[in-house]
Amino acid sequence: MPAQEKQADVVALSFEQAMKELEDIVRRLESGQVKLDEAVSAYERGAALKAHCESKLAEAKTKVEKITGSGKNLGLEPDDRD
């Protein structure tokens, strides 16, 4: 699979799917049963999955900050001023 297709494939994954695949890659690499060429390809895929997960987490953080008003009290929690 060409690198561009691999990248498009990673981008289409949900956070959970990417984490599961990344965990599987780590498990395989840690087993020591992977040939060198396969290990290099798995490492590259793992790096792309890691970057994708970090991006998804950053998106989620931004959404939460928008919802919570970046830590400002929007009346969603009790106000201590009473």
PDB file of N, CA and C in Angstrom:
ATOM      1  N   MET A   1       0.855  -1.176   0.000  1.00  0.00           N
ATOM      2  CA  MET A   1       0.000   0.000   0.000  1.00  0.00           C
ATOM      3  C   MET A   1       0.898   1.236   0.000  1.00  0.00           C
ATOM      4  N   PRO A   2       0.727   2.148  -0.966  1.00  0.00           N
ATOM      5  CA  PRO A   2       1.529   3.371  -1.014  1.00  0.00           C
ATOM      6  C   PRO A   2       1.335   4.216   0.241  1.00  0.00           C
ATOM      7  N   ALA A   3       2.341   5.014   0.566  1.00  0.00           N
ATOM      8  CA  ALA A   3       2.328   5.819   1.794  1.00  0.00           C
ATOM      9  C   ALA A   3       1.103   6.728   1.871  1.00  0.00           C
ATOM     10  N   GLN A   4       0.699   7.303   0.757  1.00  0.00           N
ATOM     11  CA  GLN A   4      -0.451   8.208   0.750  1.00  0.00           C
ATOM     12  C   GLN A   4      -1.733   7.458   1.105  1.00  0.00           C
ATOM     13  N   GLU A   5      -1.880   6.244   0.610  1.00  0.00           N
ATOM     14  CA  GLU A   5      -3.056   5.432   0.938  1.00  0.00           C
ATOM     15  C   GLU A   5      -3.038   5.034   2.409  1.00  0.00           C
ATOM     16  N   LYS A   6      -1.850   4.708   2.924  1.00  0.00           N
ATOM     17  CA  LYS A   6      -1.734   4.363   4.336  1.00  0.00           C
ATOM     18  C   LYS A   6      -2.168   5.527   5.202  1.00  0.00           C
ATOM     19  N   GLN A   7      -1.740   6.743   4.842  1.00  0.00           N
ATOM     20  CA  GLN A   7      -2.106   7.930   5.612  1.00  0.00           C
ATOM     21  C   GLN A   7      -3.614   8.148   5.571  1.00  0.00           C
ATOM     22  N   ALA A   8      -4.225   8.004   4.407  1.00  0.00           N
ATOM     23  CA  ALA A   8      -5.675   8.174   4.286  1.00  0.00           C
ATOM     24  C   ALA A   8      -6.394   7.123   5.113  1.00  0.00           C
ATOM     25  N   ASP A   9      -5.860   5.918   5.144  1.00  0.00           N
ATOM     26  CA  ASP A   9      -6.431   4.841   5.929  1.00  0.00           C
ATOM     27  C   ASP A   9      -6.405   5.189   7.420  1.00  0.00           C
ATOM     28  N   VAL A  10      -5.299   5.719   7.905  1.00  0.00           N
ATOM     29  CA  VAL A  10      -5.167   6.081   9.320  1.00  0.00           C
ATOM     30  C   VAL A  10      -6.145   7.201   9.669  1.00  0.00           C
ATOM     31  N   VAL A  11      -6.248   8.190   8.826  1.00  0.00           N
ATOM     32  CA  VAL A  11      -7.127   9.337   9.086  1.00  0.00           C
ATOM     33  C   VAL A  11      -8.590   8.907   9.200  1.00  0.00           C
ATOM     34  N   ALA A  12      -8.956   7.849   8.509  1.00  0.00           N
ATOM     35  CA  ALA A  12     -10.344   7.379   8.538  1.00  0.00           C
ATOM     36  C   ALA A  12     -10.688   6.621   9.817  1.00  0.00           C
ATOM     37  N   LEU A  13      -9.688   6.257  10.611  1.00  0.00           N
ATOM     38  CA  LEU A  13      -9.931   5.482  11.824  1.00  0.00           C
ATOM     39  C   LEU A  13     -10.441   6.351  12.972  1.00  0.00           C
ATOM     40  N   SER A  14     -11.286   5.759  13.800  1.00  0.00           N
ATOM     41  CA  SER A  14     -11.677   6.438  15.032  1.00  0.00           C
ATOM     42  C   SER A  14     -10.506   6.360  16.001  1.00  0.00           C
ATOM     43  N   PHE A  15     -10.573   7.134  17.064  1.00  0.00           N
ATOM     44  CA  PHE A  15      -9.535   7.093  18.089  1.00  0.00           C
ATOM     45  C   PHE A  15      -9.390   5.682  18.641  1.00  0.00           C
ATOM     46  N   GLU A  16     -10.515   5.055  18.942  1.00  0.00           N
ATOM     47  CA  GLU A  16     -10.495   3.714  19.535  1.00  0.00           C
ATOM     48  C   GLU A  16      -9.893   2.677  18.583  1.00  0.00           C
ATOM     49  N   GLN A  17     -10.247   2.769  17.299  1.00  0.00           N
ATOM     50  CA  GLN A  17      -9.694   1.843  16.313  1.00  0.00           C
ATOM     51  C   GLN A  17      -8.183   2.024  16.186  1.00  0.00           C
ATOM     52  N   ALA A  18      -7.758   3.276  16.143  1.00  0.00           N
ATOM     53  CA  ALA A  18      -6.329   3.567  16.013  1.00  0.00           C
ATOM     54  C   ALA A  18      -5.560   3.086  17.241  1.00  0.00           C
ATOM     55  N   MET A  19      -6.112   3.289  18.430  1.00  0.00           N
ATOM     56  CA  MET A  19      -5.445   2.832  19.655  1.00  0.00           C
ATOM     57  C   MET A  19      -5.333   1.311  19.677  1.00  0.00           C
ATOM     58  N   LYS A  20      -6.387   0.627  19.275  1.00  0.00           N
ATOM     59  CA  LYS A  20      -6.352  -0.836  19.265  1.00  0.00           C
ATOM     60  C   LYS A  20      -5.275  -1.332  18.306  1.00  0.00           C
ATOM     61  N   GLU A  21      -5.224  -0.748  17.115  1.00  0.00           N
ATOM     62  CA  GLU A  21      -4.214  -1.165  16.143  1.00  0.00           C
ATOM     63  C   GLU A  21      -2.810  -0.848  16.660  1.00  0.00           C
ATOM     64  N   LEU A  22      -2.649   0.303  17.283  1.00  0.00           N
ATOM     65  CA  LEU A  22      -1.356   0.676  17.838  1.00  0.00           C
ATOM     66  C   LEU A  22      -0.933  -0.304  18.937  1.00  0.00           C
ATOM     67  N   GLU A  23      -1.866  -0.673  19.794  1.00  0.00           N
ATOM     68  CA  GLU A  23      -1.578  -1.662  20.842  1.00  0.00           C
ATOM     69  C   GLU A  23      -1.180  -3.000  20.231  1.00  0.00           C
ATOM     70  N   ASP A  24      -1.856  -3.398  19.164  1.00  0.00           N
ATOM     71  CA  ASP A  24      -1.517  -4.659  18.480  1.00  0.00           C
ATOM     72  C   ASP A  24      -0.108  -4.605  17.895  1.00  0.00           C
ATOM     73  N   ILE A  25       0.244  -3.474  17.313  1.00  0.00           N
ATOM     74  CA  ILE A  25       1.581  -3.307  16.740  1.00  0.00           C
ATOM     75  C   ILE A  25       2.636  -3.403  17.832  1.00  0.00           C
ATOM     76  N   VAL A  26       2.409  -2.722  18.934  1.00  0.00           N
ATOM     77  CA  VAL A  26       3.363  -2.757  20.046  1.00  0.00           C
ATOM     78  C   VAL A  26       3.531  -4.188  20.553  1.00  0.00           C
ATOM     79  N   ARG A  27       2.421  -4.879  20.710  1.00  0.00           N
ATOM     80  CA  ARG A  27       2.464  -6.266  21.181  1.00  0.00           C
ATOM     81  C   ARG A  27       3.296  -7.144  20.230  1.00  0.00           C
ATOM     82  N   ARG A  28       3.069  -6.981  18.922  1.00  0.00           N
ATOM     83  CA  ARG A  28       3.817  -7.767  17.937  1.00  0.00           C
ATOM     84  C   ARG A  28       5.304  -7.439  17.981  1.00  0.00           C
ATOM     85  N   LEU A  29       5.625  -6.146  18.051  1.00  0.00           N
ATOM     86  CA  LEU A  29       7.032  -5.748  18.080  1.00  0.00           C
ATOM     87  C   LEU A  29       7.724  -6.228  19.352  1.00  0.00           C
ATOM     88  N   GLU A  30       7.020  -6.159  20.475  1.00  0.00           N
ATOM     89  CA  GLU A  30       7.598  -6.607  21.734  1.00  0.00           C
ATOM     90  C   GLU A  30       7.819  -8.113  21.770  1.00  0.00           C
ATOM     91  N   SER A  31       7.060  -8.847  20.978  1.00  0.00           N
ATOM     92  CA  SER A  31       7.209 -10.307  20.966  1.00  0.00           C
ATOM     93  C   SER A  31       8.546 -10.732  20.363  1.00  0.00           C
ATOM     94  N   GLY A  32       9.121  -9.869  19.528  1.00  0.00           N
ATOM     95  CA  GLY A  32      10.382 -10.197  18.884  1.00  0.00           C
ATOM     96  C   GLY A  32      10.247 -11.186  17.750  1.00  0.00           C
ATOM     97  N   GLN A  33       9.038 -11.506  17.352  1.00  0.00           N
ATOM     98  CA  GLN A  33       8.793 -12.500  16.303  1.00  0.00           C
ATOM     99  C   GLN A  33       8.577 -11.864  14.933  1.00  0.00           C
ATOM    100  N   VAL A  34       8.866 -10.565  14.807  1.00  0.00           N
ATOM    101  CA  VAL A  34       8.624  -9.842  13.556  1.00  0.00           C
ATOM    102  C   VAL A  34       9.949  -9.669  12.817  1.00  0.00           C
ATOM    103  N   LYS A  35       9.947  -9.961  11.536  1.00  0.00           N
ATOM    104  CA  LYS A  35      11.151  -9.768  10.713  1.00  0.00           C
ATOM    105  C   LYS A  35      11.471  -8.281  10.633  1.00  0.00           C
ATOM    106  N   LEU A  36      12.720  -7.977  10.361  1.00  0.00           N
ATOM    107  CA  LEU A  36      13.187  -6.591  10.359  1.00  0.00           C
ATOM    108  C   LEU A  36      12.364  -5.693   9.438  1.00  0.00           C
ATOM    109  N   ASP A  37      12.140  -6.112   8.199  1.00  0.00           N
ATOM    110  CA  ASP A  37      11.371  -5.288   7.258  1.00  0.00           C
ATOM    111  C   ASP A  37       9.956  -5.050   7.766  1.00  0.00           C
ATOM    112  N   GLU A  38       9.356  -6.086   8.311  1.00  0.00           N
ATOM    113  CA  GLU A  38       8.007  -5.959   8.872  1.00  0.00           C
ATOM    114  C   GLU A  38       8.018  -5.029  10.086  1.00  0.00           C
ATOM    115  N   ALA A  39       9.075  -5.125  10.880  1.00  0.00           N
ATOM    116  CA  ALA A  39       9.181  -4.280  12.079  1.00  0.00           C
ATOM    117  C   ALA A  39       9.280  -2.810  11.689  1.00  0.00           C
ATOM    118  N   VAL A  40      10.039  -2.519  10.651  1.00  0.00           N
ATOM    119  CA  VAL A  40      10.181  -1.136  10.194  1.00  0.00           C
ATOM    120  C   VAL A  40       8.837  -0.612   9.694  1.00  0.00           C
ATOM    121  N   SER A  41       8.148  -1.410   8.904  1.00  0.00           N
ATOM    122  CA  SER A  41       6.823  -1.010   8.403  1.00  0.00           C
ATOM    123  C   SER A  41       5.833  -0.832   9.551  1.00  0.00           C
ATOM    124  N   ALA A  42       5.882  -1.736  10.516  1.00  0.00           N
ATOM    125  CA  ALA A  42       4.987  -1.643  11.670  1.00  0.00           C
ATOM    126  C   ALA A  42       5.298  -0.387  12.476  1.00  0.00           C
ATOM    127  N   TYR A  43       6.578  -0.075  12.624  1.00  0.00           N
ATOM    128  CA  TYR A  43       6.971   1.131  13.359  1.00  0.00           C
ATOM    129  C   TYR A  43       6.453   2.381  12.652  1.00  0.00           C
ATOM    130  N   GLU A  44       6.586   2.416  11.326  1.00  0.00           N
ATOM    131  CA  GLU A  44       6.079   3.565  10.558  1.00  0.00           C
ATOM    132  C   GLU A  44       4.569   3.707  10.732  1.00  0.00           C
ATOM    133  N   ARG A  45       3.874   2.589  10.640  1.00  0.00           N
ATOM    134  CA  ARG A  45       2.414   2.599  10.822  1.00  0.00           C
ATOM    135  C   ARG A  45       2.079   3.059  12.240  1.00  0.00           C
ATOM    136  N   GLY A  46       2.821   2.555  13.208  1.00  0.00           N
ATOM    137  CA  GLY A  46       2.605   2.944  14.597  1.00  0.00           C
ATOM    138  C   GLY A  46       2.811   4.435  14.810  1.00  0.00           C
ATOM    139  N   ALA A  47       3.825   4.996  14.175  1.00  0.00           N
ATOM    140  CA  ALA A  47       4.071   6.434  14.296  1.00  0.00           C
ATOM    141  C   ALA A  47       2.900   7.239  13.720  1.00  0.00           C
ATOM    142  N   ALA A  48       2.369   6.785  12.587  1.00  0.00           N
ATOM    143  CA  ALA A  48       1.215   7.464  11.987  1.00  0.00           C
ATOM    144  C   ALA A  48      -0.020   7.330  12.879  1.00  0.00           C
ATOM    145  N   LEU A  49      -0.209   6.155  13.463  1.00  0.00           N
ATOM    146  CA  LEU A  49      -1.351   5.947  14.368  1.00  0.00           C
ATOM    147  C   LEU A  49      -1.221   6.809  15.612  1.00  0.00           C
ATOM    148  N   LYS A  50      -0.013   6.912  16.159  1.00  0.00           N
ATOM    149  CA  LYS A  50       0.232   7.743  17.342  1.00  0.00           C
ATOM    150  C   LYS A  50      -0.102   9.204  17.045  1.00  0.00           C
ATOM    151  N   ALA A  51       0.369   9.696  15.906  1.00  0.00           N
ATOM    152  CA  ALA A  51       0.086  11.081  15.521  1.00  0.00           C
ATOM    153  C   ALA A  51      -1.414  11.298  15.351  1.00  0.00           C
ATOM    154  N   HIS A  52      -2.092  10.322  14.768  1.00  0.00           N
ATOM    155  CA  HIS A  52      -3.537  10.416  14.576  1.00  0.00           C
ATOM    156  C   HIS A  52      -4.258  10.475  15.926  1.00  0.00           C
ATOM    157  N   CYS A  53      -3.851   9.620  16.858  1.00  0.00           N
ATOM    158  CA  CYS A  53      -4.470   9.610  18.190  1.00  0.00           C
ATOM    159  C   CYS A  53      -4.241  10.942  18.905  1.00  0.00           C
ATOM    160  N   GLU A  54      -3.023  11.470  18.793  1.00  0.00           N
ATOM    161  CA  GLU A  54      -2.730  12.765  19.414  1.00  0.00           C
ATOM    162  C   GLU A  54      -3.601  13.863  18.814  1.00  0.00           C
ATOM    163  N   SER A  55      -3.817  13.811  17.509  1.00  0.00           N
ATOM    164  CA  SER A  55      -4.671  14.789  16.840  1.00  0.00           C
ATOM    165  C   SER A  55      -6.116  14.678  17.323  1.00  0.00           C
ATOM    166  N   LYS A  56      -6.610  13.442  17.429  1.00  0.00           N
ATOM    167  CA  LYS A  56      -7.976  13.220  17.913  1.00  0.00           C
ATOM    168  C   LYS A  56      -8.131  13.728  19.343  1.00  0.00           C
ATOM    169  N   LEU A  57      -7.126  13.490  20.185  1.00  0.00           N
ATOM    170  CA  LEU A  57      -7.179  13.973  21.567  1.00  0.00           C
ATOM    171  C   LEU A  57      -7.179  15.505  21.613  1.00  0.00           C
ATOM    172  N   ALA A  58      -6.380  16.124  20.763  1.00  0.00           N
ATOM    173  CA  ALA A  58      -6.348  17.585  20.706  1.00  0.00           C
ATOM    174  C   ALA A  58      -7.704  18.146  20.271  1.00  0.00           C
ATOM    175  N   GLU A  59      -8.336  17.486  19.291  1.00  0.00           N
ATOM    176  CA  GLU A  59      -9.671  17.909  18.848  1.00  0.00           C
ATOM    177  C   GLU A  59     -10.672  17.807  19.996  1.00  0.00           C
ATOM    178  N   ALA A  60     -10.621  16.697  20.715  1.00  0.00           N
ATOM    179  CA  ALA A  60     -11.541  16.492  21.833  1.00  0.00           C
ATOM    180  C   ALA A  60     -11.308  17.543  22.915  1.00  0.00           C
ATOM    181  N   LYS A  61     -10.059  17.853  23.194  1.00  0.00           N
ATOM    182  CA  LYS A  61      -9.734  18.866  24.207  1.00  0.00           C
ATOM    183  C   LYS A  61     -10.296  20.219  23.799  1.00  0.00           C
ATOM    184  N   THR A  62     -10.146  20.565  22.530  1.00  0.00           N
ATOM    185  CA  THR A  62     -10.666  21.839  22.026  1.00  0.00           C
ATOM    186  C   THR A  62     -12.184  21.897  22.174  1.00  0.00           C
ATOM    187  N   LYS A  63     -12.857  20.802  21.844  1.00  0.00           N
ATOM    188  CA  LYS A  63     -14.318  20.758  21.974  1.00  0.00           C
ATOM    189  C   LYS A  63     -14.742  20.923  23.432  1.00  0.00           C
ATOM    190  N   VAL A  64     -14.055  20.241  24.336  1.00  0.00           N
ATOM    191  CA  VAL A  64     -14.388  20.350  25.756  1.00  0.00           C
ATOM    192  C   VAL A  64     -14.156  21.774  26.243  1.00  0.00           C
ATOM    193  N   GLU A  65     -13.063  22.387  25.805  1.00  0.00           N
ATOM    194  CA  GLU A  65     -12.784  23.769  26.205  1.00  0.00           C
ATOM    195  C   GLU A  65     -13.860  24.720  25.691  1.00  0.00           C
ATOM    196  N   LYS A  66     -14.370  24.476  24.482  1.00  0.00           N
ATOM    197  CA  LYS A  66     -15.451  25.310  23.947  1.00  0.00           C
ATOM    198  C   LYS A  66     -16.722  25.121  24.765  1.00  0.00           C
ATOM    199  N   ILE A  67     -17.004  23.875  25.127  1.00  0.00           N
ATOM    200  CA  ILE A  67     -18.208  23.586  25.910  1.00  0.00           C
ATOM    201  C   ILE A  67     -18.125  24.227  27.288  1.00  0.00           C
ATOM    202  N   THR A  68     -16.947  24.133  27.892  1.00  0.00           N
ATOM    203  CA  THR A  68     -16.789  24.650  29.253  1.00  0.00           C
ATOM    204  C   THR A  68     -16.369  26.105  29.274  1.00  0.00           C
ATOM    205  N   GLY A  69     -16.187  26.698  28.115  1.00  0.00           N
ATOM    206  CA  GLY A  69     -15.785  28.095  28.058  1.00  0.00           C
ATOM    207  C   GLY A  69     -14.354  28.292  28.511  1.00  0.00           C
ATOM    208  N   SER A  70     -13.498  27.347  28.201  1.00  0.00           N
ATOM    209  CA  SER A  70     -12.087  27.386  28.566  1.00  0.00           C
ATOM    210  C   SER A  70     -11.893  27.572  30.063  1.00  0.00           C
ATOM    211  N   GLY A  71     -12.726  26.914  30.831  1.00  0.00           N
ATOM    212  CA  GLY A  71     -12.591  26.969  32.277  1.00  0.00           C
ATOM    213  C   GLY A  71     -13.414  28.070  32.926  1.00  0.00           C
ATOM    214  N   LYS A  72     -14.056  28.906  32.137  1.00  0.00           N
ATOM    215  CA  LYS A  72     -14.888  29.977  32.687  1.00  0.00           C
ATOM    216  C   LYS A  72     -16.209  29.393  33.170  1.00  0.00           C
ATOM    217  N   ASN A  73     -16.777  29.999  34.184  1.00  0.00           N
ATOM    218  CA  ASN A  73     -18.062  29.548  34.708  1.00  0.00           C
ATOM    219  C   ASN A  73     -19.177  30.011  33.768  1.00  0.00           C
ATOM    220  N   LEU A  74     -19.844  29.065  33.149  1.00  0.00           N
ATOM    221  CA  LEU A  74     -20.938  29.385  32.220  1.00  0.00           C
ATOM    222  C   LEU A  74     -22.291  29.109  32.840  1.00  0.00           C
ATOM    223  N   GLY A  75     -22.323  28.986  34.153  1.00  0.00           N
ATOM    224  CA  GLY A  75     -23.569  28.690  34.814  1.00  0.00           C
ATOM    225  C   GLY A  75     -23.910  27.216  34.818  1.00  0.00           C
ATOM    226  N   LEU A  76     -22.987  26.391  34.398  1.00  0.00           N
ATOM    227  CA  LEU A  76     -23.229  24.963  34.379  1.00  0.00           C
ATOM    228  C   LEU A  76     -22.884  24.318  35.719  1.00  0.00           C
ATOM    229  N   GLU A  77     -22.099  25.020  36.492  1.00  0.00           N
ATOM    230  CA  GLU A  77     -21.721  24.532  37.805  1.00  0.00           C
ATOM    231  C   GLU A  77     -22.133  25.577  38.832  1.00  0.00           C
ATOM    232  N   PRO A  78     -22.351  25.155  40.079  1.00  0.00           N
ATOM    233  CA  PRO A  78     -22.720  26.134  41.114  1.00  0.00           C
ATOM    234  C   PRO A  78     -21.664  27.209  41.245  1.00  0.00           C
ATOM    235  N   ASP A  79     -22.108  28.417  41.469  1.00  0.00           N
ATOM    236  CA  ASP A  79     -21.231  29.565  41.637  1.00  0.00           C
ATOM    237  C   ASP A  79     -20.977  29.757  43.119  1.00  0.00           C
ATOM    238  N   ASP A  80     -19.727  29.894  43.526  1.00  0.00           N
ATOM    239  CA  ASP A  80     -19.362  30.044  44.936  1.00  0.00           C
ATOM    240  C   ASP A  80     -19.610  31.454  45.472  1.00  0.00           C
ATOM    241  N   ARG A  81     -20.131  32.369  44.660  1.00  0.00           N
ATOM    242  CA  ARG A  81     -20.322  33.742  45.100  1.00  0.00           C
ATOM    243  C   ARG A  81     -21.520  33.934  46.011  1.00  0.00           C
ATOM    244  N   ASP A  82     -22.398  32.946  46.144  1.00  0.00           N
ATOM    245  CA  ASP A  82     -23.603  33.104  46.976  1.00  0.00           C
ATOM    246  C   ASP A  82     -23.279  33.174  48.433  1.00  0.00           C
TER     247      ASP A  82
END
